[in-house]
Amino acid sequence: MDISYFIRSIIFLVGGLLIIIFPKELNNFKNHYIVPFLIKVGFKSKIKDEIKGYYQLGIVFILISVVLFIVSITL
C-alpha cells in the first residue's frame, strides 16, 4: 500500500464531500470575496449561481479519490 496515494485520496474525498455538503456557502464565498478581487485585478466576471457545477465538481473529486485509493492498494 502506497501511503502517499492514500493520503491524496483522503484529501480529494474530504474536498468532494465538503463541496457537495456546502455548495451555497462556497458560492457565497466566491461571490463576496473572490469575484471582487478578480475585478480589481482586471478580470471580467459574470456573477451567477453555480450550485449545480459544485455538485458535479464534488462528484469528480470523489471519483478521483476512488481511483487514487485503488492505485494506493495495488502499489
C-alpha atoms as a PDB file:
ATOM      1  CA  MET A   1       0.000   0.000   0.000  1.00  0.00           C
ATOM      2  CA  ASP A   2       1.438   3.339  -1.061  1.00  0.00           C
ATOM      3  CA  ILE A   3       0.725   5.844   1.690  1.00  0.00           C
ATOM      4  CA  SER A   4       1.160   8.962  -0.468  1.00  0.00           C
ATOM      5  CA  TYR A   5      -1.655   7.952  -2.842  1.00  0.00           C
ATOM      6  CA  PHE A   6      -3.802   7.010   0.149  1.00  0.00           C
ATOM      7  CA  ILE A   7      -3.326  10.464   1.690  1.00  0.00           C
ATOM      8  CA  ARG A   8      -4.166  12.113  -1.632  1.00  0.00           C
ATOM      9  CA  SER A   9      -7.320  10.026  -1.917  1.00  0.00           C
ATOM     10  CA  ILE A  10      -8.409  11.132   1.562  1.00  0.00           C
ATOM     11  CA  ILE A  11      -7.771  14.785   0.654  1.00  0.00           C
ATOM     12  CA  PHE A  12      -9.861  14.503  -2.520  1.00  0.00           C
ATOM     13  CA  LEU A  13     -12.609  12.646  -0.635  1.00  0.00           C
ATOM     14  CA  VAL A  14     -12.839  15.351   2.033  1.00  0.00           C
ATOM     15  CA  GLY A  15     -12.789  18.075  -0.621  1.00  0.00           C
ATOM     16  CA  GLY A  16     -15.516  16.390  -2.645  1.00  0.00           C
ATOM     17  CA  LEU A  17     -17.722  15.850   0.392  1.00  0.00           C
ATOM     18  CA  LEU A  18     -17.287  19.469   1.532  1.00  0.00           C
ATOM     19  CA  ILE A  19     -18.198  20.731  -1.931  1.00  0.00           C
ATOM     20  CA  ILE A  20     -21.336  18.578  -2.018  1.00  0.00           C
ATOM     21  CA  ILE A  21     -22.391  19.399   1.559  1.00  0.00           C
ATOM     22  CA  PHE A  22     -21.753  23.183   1.464  1.00  0.00           C
ATOM     23  CA  PRO A  23     -22.424  24.425  -2.106  1.00  0.00           C
ATOM     24  CA  LYS A  24     -24.291  27.595  -1.059  1.00  0.00           C
ATOM     25  CA  GLU A  25     -21.543  28.663   1.305  1.00  0.00           C
ATOM     26  CA  LEU A  26     -18.903  28.137  -1.405  1.00  0.00           C
ATOM     27  CA  ASN A  27     -20.960  30.154  -3.880  1.00  0.00           C
ATOM     28  CA  ASN A  28     -21.392  32.985  -1.369  1.00  0.00           C
ATOM     29  CA  PHE A  29     -17.656  32.932  -0.596  1.00  0.00           C
ATOM     30  CA  LYS A  30     -16.860  33.145  -4.300  1.00  0.00           C
ATOM     31  CA  ASN A  31     -19.320  35.966  -4.955  1.00  0.00           C
ATOM     32  CA  HIS A  32     -18.300  38.078  -1.945  1.00  0.00           C
ATOM     33  CA  TYR A  33     -14.530  37.602  -1.823  1.00  0.00           C
ATOM     34  CA  ILE A  34     -13.070  36.081  -4.983  1.00  0.00           C
ATOM     35  CA  VAL A  35     -15.040  37.915  -7.688  1.00  0.00           C
ATOM     36  CA  PRO A  36     -14.438  41.461  -6.327  1.00  0.00           C
ATOM     37  CA  PHE A  37     -10.720  40.710  -6.061  1.00  0.00           C
ATOM     38  CA  LEU A  38     -10.624  39.455  -9.659  1.00  0.00           C
ATOM     39  CA  ILE A  39     -12.500  42.545 -10.858  1.00  0.00           C
ATOM     40  CA  LYS A  40      -9.959  44.808  -9.093  1.00  0.00           C
ATOM     41  CA  VAL A  41      -7.106  42.903 -10.736  1.00  0.00           C
ATOM     42  CA  GLY A  42      -8.672  43.334 -14.170  1.00  0.00           C
ATOM     43  CA  PHE A  43     -10.559  40.162 -14.950  1.00  0.00           C
ATOM     44  CA  LYS A  44     -14.161  40.332 -16.078  1.00  0.00           C
ATOM     45  CA  SER A  45     -16.573  38.008 -14.333  1.00  0.00           C
ATOM     46  CA  LYS A  46     -20.227  37.119 -14.596  1.00  0.00           C
ATOM     47  CA  ILE A  47     -21.687  36.682 -11.137  1.00  0.00           C
ATOM     48  CA  LYS A  48     -24.231  33.878 -11.158  1.00  0.00           C
ATOM     49  CA  ASP A  49     -25.221  30.941  -9.043  1.00  0.00           C
ATOM     50  CA  GLU A  50     -23.228  27.880  -9.964  1.00  0.00           C
ATOM     51  CA  ILE A  51     -24.621  25.434  -7.410  1.00  0.00           C
ATOM     52  CA  LYS A  52     -25.131  22.668  -9.985  1.00  0.00           C
ATOM     53  CA  GLY A  53     -21.498  22.963 -11.015  1.00  0.00           C
ATOM     54  CA  TYR A  54     -20.424  22.477  -7.415  1.00  0.00           C
ATOM     55  CA  TYR A  55     -22.275  19.164  -7.235  1.00  0.00           C
ATOM     56  CA  GLN A  56     -20.591  17.997 -10.441  1.00  0.00           C
ATOM     57  CA  LEU A  57     -17.172  19.086  -9.165  1.00  0.00           C
ATOM     58  CA  GLY A  58     -17.781  17.235  -5.901  1.00  0.00           C
ATOM     59  CA  ILE A  59     -18.636  14.040  -7.779  1.00  0.00           C
ATOM     60  CA  VAL A  60     -15.486  14.394  -9.888  1.00  0.00           C
ATOM     61  CA  PHE A  61     -13.379  14.821  -6.739  1.00  0.00           C
ATOM     62  CA  ILE A  62     -14.927  11.716  -5.185  1.00  0.00           C
ATOM     63  CA  LEU A  63     -14.249   9.714  -8.364  1.00  0.00           C
ATOM     64  CA  ILE A  64     -10.625  10.881  -8.326  1.00  0.00           C
ATOM     65  CA  SER A  65     -10.478   9.826  -4.685  1.00  0.00           C
ATOM     66  CA  VAL A  66     -11.707   6.320  -5.548  1.00  0.00           C
ATOM     67  CA  VAL A  67      -9.151   5.982  -8.354  1.00  0.00           C
ATOM     68  CA  LEU A  68      -6.314   7.131  -6.094  1.00  0.00           C
ATOM     69  CA  PHE A  69      -7.430   4.727  -3.380  1.00  0.00           C
ATOM     70  CA  ILE A  70      -7.406   1.803  -5.843  1.00  0.00           C
ATOM     71  CA  VAL A  71      -3.958   2.842  -7.040  1.00  0.00           C
ATOM     72  CA  SER A  72      -2.711   3.026  -3.453  1.00  0.00           C
ATOM     73  CA  ILE A  73      -3.928  -0.511  -2.769  1.00  0.00           C
ATOM     74  CA  THR A  74      -2.394  -2.007  -5.918  1.00  0.00           C
ATOM     75  CA  LEU A  75       1.057  -0.431  -5.479  1.00  0.00           C
END
